[in-house]
Each structure stands twice: as structure tokens, then as C-alpha cells.
PDB file of N, CA and C in Angstrom:
ATOM      1  N   MET A   1     135.718 132.308 159.330  1.00  0.00           N
ATOM      2  CA  MET A   1     134.402 132.734 158.939  1.00  0.00           C
ATOM      3  C   MET A   1     133.331 131.904 159.643  1.00  0.00           C
ATOM      4  N   ALA A   2     133.593 130.622 159.833  1.00  0.00           N
ATOM      5  CA  ALA A   2     132.607 129.769 160.488  1.00  0.00           C
ATOM      6  C   ALA A   2     132.449 130.129 161.961  1.00  0.00           C
ATOM      7  N   SER A   3     133.502 130.660 162.574  1.00  0.00           N
ATOM      8  CA  SER A   3     133.410 131.002 163.990  1.00  0.00           C
ATOM      9  C   SER A   3     132.566 132.250 164.220  1.00  0.00           C
ATOM     10  N   GLU A   4     132.320 133.047 163.180  1.00  0.00           N
ATOM     11  CA  GLU A   4     131.510 134.246 163.331  1.00  0.00           C
ATOM     12  C   GLU A   4     130.026 133.926 163.497  1.00  0.00           C
ATOM     13  N   PHE A   5     129.587 132.785 162.975  1.00  0.00           N
ATOM     14  CA  PHE A   5     128.171 132.414 163.040  1.00  0.00           C
ATOM     15  C   PHE A   5     127.951 131.379 164.136  1.00  0.00           C
ATOM     16  N   PRO A   6     127.213 131.724 165.199  1.00  0.00           N
ATOM     17  CA  PRO A   6     126.978 130.744 166.276  1.00  0.00           C
ATOM     18  C   PRO A   6     126.033 129.630 165.799  1.00  0.00           C
ATOM     19  N   ILE A   7     126.468 128.394 165.943  1.00  0.00           N
ATOM     20  CA  ILE A   7     125.697 127.260 165.447  1.00  0.00           C
ATOM     21  C   ILE A   7     124.623 126.833 166.447  1.00  0.00           C
ATOM     22  N   HIS A   8     124.911 126.902 167.716  1.00  0.00           N
ATOM     23  CA  HIS A   8     123.999 126.338 168.716  1.00  0.00           C
ATOM     24  C   HIS A   8     123.229 127.411 169.479  1.00  0.00           C
ATOM     25  N   THR A   9     122.574 128.276 168.764  1.00  0.00           N
ATOM     26  CA  THR A   9     121.713 129.255 169.419  1.00  0.00           C
ATOM     27  C   THR A   9     120.411 128.562 169.812  1.00  0.00           C
ATOM     28  N   PRO A  10     119.658 129.116 170.747  1.00  0.00           N
ATOM     29  CA  PRO A  10     118.386 128.487 171.138  1.00  0.00           C
ATOM     30  C   PRO A  10     117.403 128.332 169.984  1.00  0.00           C
ATOM     31  N   GLU A  11     117.418 129.285 169.050  1.00  0.00           N
ATOM     32  CA  GLU A  11     116.509 129.191 167.907  1.00  0.00           C
ATOM     33  C   GLU A  11     116.869 128.017 167.006  1.00  0.00           C
ATOM     34  N   VAL A  12     118.170 127.796 166.815  1.00  0.00           N
ATOM     35  CA  VAL A  12     118.612 126.700 165.957  1.00  0.00           C
ATOM     36  C   VAL A  12     118.301 125.358 166.617  1.00  0.00           C
ATOM     37  N   VAL A  13     118.524 125.260 167.913  1.00  0.00           N
ATOM     38  CA  VAL A  13     118.217 124.018 168.626  1.00  0.00           C
ATOM     39  C   VAL A  13     116.720 123.734 168.594  1.00  0.00           C
ATOM     40  N   GLU A  14     115.904 124.761 168.774  1.00  0.00           N
ATOM     41  CA  GLU A  14     114.450 124.596 168.695  1.00  0.00           C
ATOM     42  C   GLU A  14     114.033 124.142 167.299  1.00  0.00           C
ATOM     43  N   HIS A  15     114.657 124.717 166.278  1.00  0.00           N
ATOM     44  CA  HIS A  15     114.360 124.317 164.906  1.00  0.00           C
ATOM     45  C   HIS A  15     114.766 122.854 164.664  1.00  0.00           C
ATOM     46  N   GLU A  16     115.906 122.449 165.177  1.00  0.00           N
ATOM     47  CA  GLU A  16     116.355 121.061 165.025  1.00  0.00           C
ATOM     48  C   GLU A  16     115.369 120.098 165.685  1.00  0.00           C
ATOM     49  N   ARG A  17     114.891 120.444 166.853  1.00  0.00           N
ATOM     50  CA  ARG A  17     113.927 119.576 167.544  1.00  0.00           C
ATOM     51  C   ARG A  17     112.608 119.495 166.776  1.00  0.00           C
ATOM     52  N   ALA A  18     112.149 120.633 166.259  1.00  0.00           N
ATOM     53  CA  ALA A  18     110.908 120.626 165.477  1.00  0.00           C
ATOM     54  C   ALA A  18     111.087 119.804 164.199  1.00  0.00           C
ATOM     55  N   TYR A  19     112.226 119.940 163.549  1.00  0.00           N
ATOM     56  CA  TYR A  19     112.491 119.172 162.335  1.00  0.00           C
ATOM     57  C   TYR A  19     112.573 117.682 162.648  1.00  0.00           C
ATOM     58  N   HIS A  20     113.209 117.344 163.749  1.00  0.00           N
ATOM     59  CA  HIS A  20     113.311 115.934 164.147  1.00  0.00           C
ATOM     60  C   HIS A  20     111.922 115.355 164.423  1.00  0.00           C
ATOM     61  N   THR A  21     111.078 116.110 165.102  1.00  0.00           N
ATOM     62  CA  THR A  21     109.709 115.660 165.371  1.00  0.00           C
ATOM     63  C   THR A  21     108.931 115.486 164.076  1.00  0.00           C
ATOM     64  N   PHE A  22     109.030 116.449 163.179  1.00  0.00           N
ATOM     65  CA  PHE A  22     108.362 116.347 161.888  1.00  0.00           C
ATOM     66  C   PHE A  22     108.863 115.138 161.109  1.00  0.00           C
ATOM     67  N   ASN A  23     110.154 114.906 161.134  1.00  0.00           N
ATOM     68  CA  ASN A  23     110.748 113.782 160.429  1.00  0.00           C
ATOM     69  C   ASN A  23     110.237 112.453 160.998  1.00  0.00           C
ATOM     70  N   MET A  24     110.121 112.346 162.306  1.00  0.00           N
ATOM     71  CA  MET A  24     109.629 111.109 162.911  1.00  0.00           C
ATOM     72  C   MET A  24     108.151 110.883 162.586  1.00  0.00           C
ATOM     73  N   VAL A  25     107.339 111.935 162.624  1.00  0.00           N
ATOM     74  CA  VAL A  25     105.919 111.807 162.263  1.00  0.00           C
ATOM     75  C   VAL A  25     105.783 111.394 160.803  1.00  0.00           C
ATOM     76  N   LEU A  26     106.609 111.962 159.949  1.00  0.00           N
ATOM     77  CA  LEU A  26     106.583 111.604 158.534  1.00  0.00           C
ATOM     78  C   LEU A  26     106.983 110.143 158.326  1.00  0.00           C
ATOM     79  N   ARG A  27     107.992 109.678 159.032  1.00  0.00           N
ATOM     80  CA  ARG A  27     108.415 108.278 158.906  1.00  0.00           C
ATOM     81  C   ARG A  27     107.319 107.318 159.382  1.00  0.00           C
ATOM     82  N   TRP A  28     106.697 107.629 160.529  1.00  0.00           N
ATOM     83  CA  TRP A  28     105.605 106.784 161.012  1.00  0.00           C
ATOM     84  C   TRP A  28     104.444 106.773 160.017  1.00  0.00           C
ATOM     85  N   SER A  29     104.118 107.941 159.463  1.00  0.00           N
ATOM     86  CA  SER A  29     103.015 108.018 158.502  1.00  0.00           C
ATOM     87  C   SER A  29     103.318 107.203 157.254  1.00  0.00           C
ATOM     88  N   MET A  30     104.531 107.319 156.729  1.00  0.00           N
ATOM     89  CA  MET A  30     104.911 106.542 155.542  1.00  0.00           C
ATOM     90  C   MET A  30     104.833 105.049 155.824  1.00  0.00           C
ATOM     91  N   LEU A  31     105.317 104.636 156.984  1.00  0.00           N
ATOM     92  CA  LEU A  31     105.303 103.219 157.333  1.00  0.00           C
ATOM     93  C   LEU A  31     103.875 102.702 157.462  1.00  0.00           C
ATOM     94  N   LEU A  32     103.037 103.424 158.193  1.00  0.00           N
ATOM     95  CA  LEU A  32     101.667 102.962 158.398  1.00  0.00           C
ATOM     96  C   LEU A  32     100.855 102.955 157.103  1.00  0.00           C
ATOM     97  N   LEU A  33     101.012 103.975 156.275  1.00  0.00           N
ATOM     98  CA  LEU A  33     100.292 103.998 155.001  1.00  0.00           C
ATOM     99  C   LEU A  33     100.772 102.892 154.061  1.00  0.00           C
ATOM    100  N   GLY A  34     102.064 102.657 154.026  1.00  0.00           N
ATOM    101  CA  GLY A  34     102.599 101.587 153.188  1.00  0.00           C
ATOM    102  C   GLY A  34     102.105 100.221 153.607  1.00  0.00           C
ATOM    103  N   VAL A  35     102.113  99.967 154.914  1.00  0.00           N
ATOM    104  CA  VAL A  35     101.624  98.680 155.425  1.00  0.00           C
ATOM    105  C   VAL A  35     100.129  98.546 155.181  1.00  0.00           C
ATOM    106  N   LEU A  36      99.382  99.623 155.349  1.00  0.00           N
ATOM    107  CA  LEU A  36      97.943  99.575 155.109  1.00  0.00           C
ATOM    108  C   LEU A  36      97.626  99.255 153.650  1.00  0.00           C
ATOM    109  N   VAL A  37      98.306  99.921 152.724  1.00  0.00           N
ATOM    110  CA  VAL A  37      98.078  99.661 151.296  1.00  0.00           C
ATOM    111  C   VAL A  37      98.455  98.227 150.951  1.00  0.00           C
ATOM    112  N   LEU A  38      99.597  97.764 151.451  1.00  0.00           N
ATOM    113  CA  LEU A  38     100.027  96.388 151.184  1.00  0.00           C
ATOM    114  C   LEU A  38      99.039  95.373 151.752  1.00  0.00           C
ATOM    115  N   THR A  39      98.612  95.573 152.990  1.00  0.00           N
ATOM    116  CA  THR A  39      97.699  94.632 153.638  1.00  0.00           C
ATOM    117  C   THR A  39      96.347  94.592 152.934  1.00  0.00           C
ATOM    118  N   LEU A  40      95.792  95.745 152.612  1.00  0.00           N
ATOM    119  CA  LEU A  40      94.500  95.758 151.926  1.00  0.00           C
ATOM    120  C   LEU A  40      94.597  95.176 150.519  1.00  0.00           C
ATOM    121  N   THR A  41      95.707  95.415 149.834  1.00  0.00           N
ATOM    122  CA  THR A  41      95.888  94.834 148.511  1.00  0.00           C
ATOM    123  C   THR A  41      95.981  93.317 148.595  1.00  0.00           C
ATOM    124  N   LEU A  42      96.755  92.827 149.538  1.00  0.00           N
ATOM    125  CA  LEU A  42      96.872  91.372 149.684  1.00  0.00           C
ATOM    126  C   LEU A  42      95.552  90.746 150.118  1.00  0.00           C
ATOM    127  N   TRP A  43      94.811  91.439 150.960  1.00  0.00           N
ATOM    128  CA  TRP A  43      93.563  90.886 151.476  1.00  0.00           C
ATOM    129  C   TRP A  43      92.499  90.793 150.388  1.00  0.00           C
ATOM    130  N   PHE A  44      92.332  91.867 149.621  1.00  0.00           N
ATOM    131  CA  PHE A  44      91.220  91.911 148.680  1.00  0.00           C
ATOM    132  C   PHE A  44      91.582  91.542 147.243  1.00  0.00           C
ATOM    133  N   ALA A  45      92.838  91.650 146.847  1.00  0.00           N
ATOM    134  CA  ALA A  45      93.190  91.457 145.443  1.00  0.00           C
ATOM    135  C   ALA A  45      93.995  90.187 145.178  1.00  0.00           C
ATOM    136  N   THR A  46      94.256  89.413 146.208  1.00  0.00           N
ATOM    137  CA  THR A  46      95.001  88.167 146.019  1.00  0.00           C
ATOM    138  C   THR A  46      94.304  87.057 146.808  1.00  0.00           C
ATOM    139  N   PRO A  47      94.661  85.823 146.548  1.00  0.00           N
ATOM    140  CA  PRO A  47      94.063  84.733 147.320  1.00  0.00           C
ATOM    141  C   PRO A  47      94.677  84.558 148.712  1.00  0.00           C
ATOM    142  N   ALA A  48      95.489  85.496 149.174  1.00  0.00           N
ATOM    143  CA  ALA A  48      96.131  85.367 150.488  1.00  0.00           C
ATOM    144  C   ALA A  48      95.115  85.382 151.620  1.00  0.00           C
ATOM    145  N   GLY A  49      94.032  86.127 151.455  1.00  0.00           N
ATOM    146  CA  GLY A  49      93.008  86.200 152.497  1.00  0.00           C
ATOM    147  C   GLY A  49      93.417  87.122 153.626  1.00  0.00           C
ATOM    148  N   PHE A  50      92.555  87.167 154.639  1.00  0.00           N
ATOM    149  CA  PHE A  50      92.792  88.074 155.760  1.00  0.00           C
ATOM    150  C   PHE A  50      94.038  87.704 156.547  1.00  0.00           C
ATOM    151  N   TRP A  51      94.160  86.443 156.933  1.00  0.00           N
ATOM    152  CA  TRP A  51      95.280  86.038 157.781  1.00  0.00           C
ATOM    153  C   TRP A  51      96.615  86.128 157.057  1.00  0.00           C
ATOM    154  N   GLY A  52      96.641  85.775 155.795  1.00  0.00           N
ATOM    155  CA  GLY A  52      97.876  85.919 155.024  1.00  0.00           C
ATOM    156  C   GLY A  52      98.298  87.373 154.920  1.00  0.00           C
ATOM    157  N   ALA A  53      97.326  88.246 154.653  1.00  0.00           N
ATOM    158  CA  ALA A  53      97.622  89.672 154.557  1.00  0.00           C
ATOM    159  C   ALA A  53      98.047  90.244 155.910  1.00  0.00           C
ATOM    160  N   ALA A  54      97.395  89.794 156.979  1.00  0.00           N
ATOM    161  CA  ALA A  54      97.744  90.287 158.313  1.00  0.00           C
ATOM    162  C   ALA A  54      99.149  89.861 158.717  1.00  0.00           C
ATOM    163  N   ILE A  55      99.511  88.626 158.422  1.00  0.00           N
ATOM    164  CA  ILE A  55     100.847  88.137 158.781  1.00  0.00           C
ATOM    165  C   ILE A  55     101.923  88.863 157.978  1.00  0.00           C
ATOM    166  N   ILE A  56     101.722  88.990 156.680  1.00  0.00           N
ATOM    167  CA  ILE A  56     102.703  89.692 155.853  1.00  0.00           C
ATOM    168  C   ILE A  56     102.769  91.169 156.234  1.00  0.00           C
ATOM    169  N   GLY A  57     101.626  91.773 156.536  1.00  0.00           N
ATOM    170  CA  GLY A  57     101.616  93.168 156.980  1.00  0.00           C
ATOM    171  C   GLY A  57     102.378  93.358 158.281  1.00  0.00           C
ATOM    172  N   ALA A  58     102.234  92.409 159.220  1.00  0.00           N
ATOM    173  CA  ALA A  58     102.959  92.497 160.488  1.00  0.00           C
ATOM    174  C   ALA A  58     104.462  92.356 160.264  1.00  0.00           C
ATOM    175  N   ILE A  59     104.863  91.474 159.376  1.00  0.00           N
ATOM    176  CA  ILE A  59     106.288  91.296 159.074  1.00  0.00           C
ATOM    177  C   ILE A  59     106.864  92.564 158.438  1.00  0.00           C
ATOM    178  N   VAL A  60     106.144  93.122 157.480  1.00  0.00           N
ATOM    179  CA  VAL A  60     106.615  94.344 156.815  1.00  0.00           C
ATOM    180  C   VAL A  60     106.643  95.508 157.803  1.00  0.00           C
ATOM    181  N   PHE A  61     105.664  95.588 158.694  1.00  0.00           N
ATOM    182  CA  PHE A  61     105.665  96.637 159.710  1.00  0.00           C
ATOM    183  C   PHE A  61     106.882  96.497 160.620  1.00  0.00           C
ATOM    184  N   GLY A  62     107.184  95.284 161.039  1.00  0.00           N
ATOM    185  CA  GLY A  62     108.356  95.059 161.888  1.00  0.00           C
ATOM    186  C   GLY A  62     109.651  95.450 161.202  1.00  0.00           C
ATOM    187  N   LEU A  63     109.805  95.045 159.944  1.00  0.00           N
ATOM    188  CA  LEU A  63     111.006  95.417 159.198  1.00  0.00           C
ATOM    189  C   LEU A  63     111.074  96.929 158.972  1.00  0.00           C
ATOM    190  N   GLY A  64     109.943  97.533 158.658  1.00  0.00           N
ATOM    191  CA  GLY A  64     109.915  98.979 158.463  1.00  0.00           C
ATOM    192  C   GLY A  64     110.249  99.726 159.737  1.00  0.00           C
ATOM    193  N   TYR A  65     109.777  99.232 160.857  1.00  0.00           N
ATOM    194  CA  TYR A  65     110.095  99.863 162.140  1.00  0.00           C
ATOM    195  C   TYR A  65     111.590  99.811 162.404  1.00  0.00           C
ATOM    196  N   VAL A  66     112.186  98.645 162.163  1.00  0.00           N
ATOM    197  CA  VAL A  66     113.616  98.496 162.430  1.00  0.00           C
ATOM    198  C   VAL A  66     114.435  99.404 161.527  1.00  0.00           C
ATOM    199  N   PHE A  67     114.109  99.446 160.233  1.00  0.00           N
ATOM    200  CA  PHE A  67     114.936 100.177 159.286  1.00  0.00           C
ATOM    201  C   PHE A  67     114.563 101.647 159.131  1.00  0.00           C
ATOM    202  N   LEU A  68     113.322 102.024 159.383  1.00  0.00           N
ATOM    203  CA  LEU A  68     112.911 103.419 159.193  1.00  0.00           C
ATOM    204  C   LEU A  68     112.852 104.215 160.486  1.00  0.00           C
ATOM    205  N   VAL A  69     112.232 103.653 161.498  1.00  0.00           N
ATOM    206  CA  VAL A  69     111.927 104.438 162.691  1.00  0.00           C
ATOM    207  C   VAL A  69     112.991 104.274 163.770  1.00  0.00           C
ATOM    208  N   ARG A  70     113.312 103.068 164.130  1.00  0.00           N
ATOM    209  CA  ARG A  70     114.212 102.830 165.252  1.00  0.00           C
ATOM    210  C   ARG A  70     115.608 103.386 164.993  1.00  0.00           C
ATOM    211  N   HIS A  71     116.089 103.226 163.768  1.00  0.00           N
ATOM    212  CA  HIS A  71     117.426 103.717 163.443  1.00  0.00           C
ATOM    213  C   HIS A  71     117.522 105.230 163.630  1.00  0.00           C
ATOM    214  N   GLU A  72     116.533 105.955 163.145  1.00  0.00           N
ATOM    215  CA  GLU A  72     116.573 107.410 163.245  1.00  0.00           C
ATOM    216  C   GLU A  72     116.308 107.894 164.672  1.00  0.00           C
ATOM    217  N   ALA A  73     115.549 107.162 165.443  1.00  0.00           N
ATOM    218  CA  ALA A  73     115.236 107.587 166.807  1.00  0.00           C
ATOM    219  C   ALA A  73     116.470 107.598 167.694  1.00  0.00           C
ATOM    220  N   HIS A  74     117.470 106.796 167.371  1.00  0.00           N
ATOM    221  CA  HIS A  74     118.681 106.726 168.187  1.00  0.00           C
ATOM    222  C   HIS A  74     119.765 107.689 167.721  1.00  0.00           C
ATOM    223  N   GLN A  75     119.499 108.449 166.675  1.00  0.00           N
ATOM    224  CA  GLN A  75     120.468 109.421 166.192  1.00  0.00           C
ATOM    225  C   GLN A  75     120.459 110.646 167.106  1.00  0.00           C
ATOM    226  N   PRO A  76     121.617 111.280 167.292  1.00  0.00           N
ATOM    227  CA  PRO A  76     121.632 112.498 168.111  1.00  0.00           C
ATOM    228  C   PRO A  76     120.862 113.616 167.435  1.00  0.00           C
ATOM    229  N   LEU A  77     120.314 114.508 168.228  1.00  0.00           N
ATOM    230  CA  LEU A  77     119.543 115.616 167.687  1.00  0.00           C
ATOM    231  C   LEU A  77     120.410 116.605 166.931  1.00  0.00           C
ATOM    232  N   ASP A  78     121.650 116.745 167.337  1.00  0.00           N
ATOM    233  CA  ASP A  78     122.545 117.680 166.680  1.00  0.00           C
ATOM    234  C   ASP A  78     122.991 117.107 165.343  1.00  0.00           C
ATOM    235  N   VAL A  79     122.585 117.737 164.248  1.00  0.00           N
ATOM    236  CA  VAL A  79     122.890 117.192 162.922  1.00  0.00           C
ATOM    237  C   VAL A  79     124.363 117.359 162.566  1.00  0.00           C
ATOM    238  N   TRP A  80     125.101 118.162 163.325  1.00  0.00           N
ATOM    239  CA  TRP A  80     126.520 118.357 163.038  1.00  0.00           C
ATOM    240  C   TRP A  80     127.405 117.437 163.865  1.00  0.00           C
ATOM    241  N   THR A  81     126.831 116.492 164.578  1.00  0.00           N
ATOM    242  CA  THR A  81     127.596 115.555 165.381  1.00  0.00           C
ATOM    243  C   THR A  81     128.379 114.612 164.489  1.00  0.00           C
ATOM    244  N   GLU A  82     129.588 114.317 164.878  1.00  0.00           N
ATOM    245  CA  GLU A  82     130.447 113.411 164.126  1.00  0.00           C
ATOM    246  C   GLU A  82     129.819 112.017 164.068  1.00  0.00           C
ATOM    247  N   GLY A  83     129.816 111.402 162.907  1.00  0.00           N
ATOM    248  CA  GLY A  83     129.284 110.043 162.740  1.00  0.00           C
ATOM    249  C   GLY A  83     127.809 109.992 162.434  1.00  0.00           C
ATOM    250  N   ARG A  84     127.160 111.086 162.250  1.00  0.00           N
ATOM    251  CA  ARG A  84     125.725 111.104 161.963  1.00  0.00           C
ATOM    252  C   ARG A  84     125.455 110.757 160.569  1.00  0.00           C
TER     253      ARG A  84
END
């Protein structure tokens, strides 16, 4: 039954690429908004000040990039690939 439905048609590949692009934009947006909220909260609502908030924001951005963005960017586009 699975052989009757072609998995890798041009429409499906185009959809996978669009979904991957949307997913990456969403991850970048979540990371940037999270870092912005954290940095502004630390800057204005705690005694950390500007430099403390900037340093902690940079550290959180770096960790978020490694765990959210970089990991997914190296995944194959084909969601049915073994090991994904």
C-alpha cells in the first residue's frame, strides 16, 4: 500500500522546503524574542544593569543558537531519512 503513494513528488519536496524555512524562521524568532525579554528584564528590573544584562543575554543567545538553530540546520531536508 505504501508503494502506491509516491513520497518524493516535486510538490512534496517543495512543501518540505517551505516547512523547513518556516521552522527556521520560527526558531530564530523564538530565540530573539526570548533573549530580548530576558535582557530587558535583567536591565530594568534587577540590579544587574546594562552590562550584566548584555553579557547574560549574549550567553543565552549563544546557548540558544547551539541548541535551537544550529542543530536543526544540519538536519536533512527529507523528514523520512533514517536517523532524523
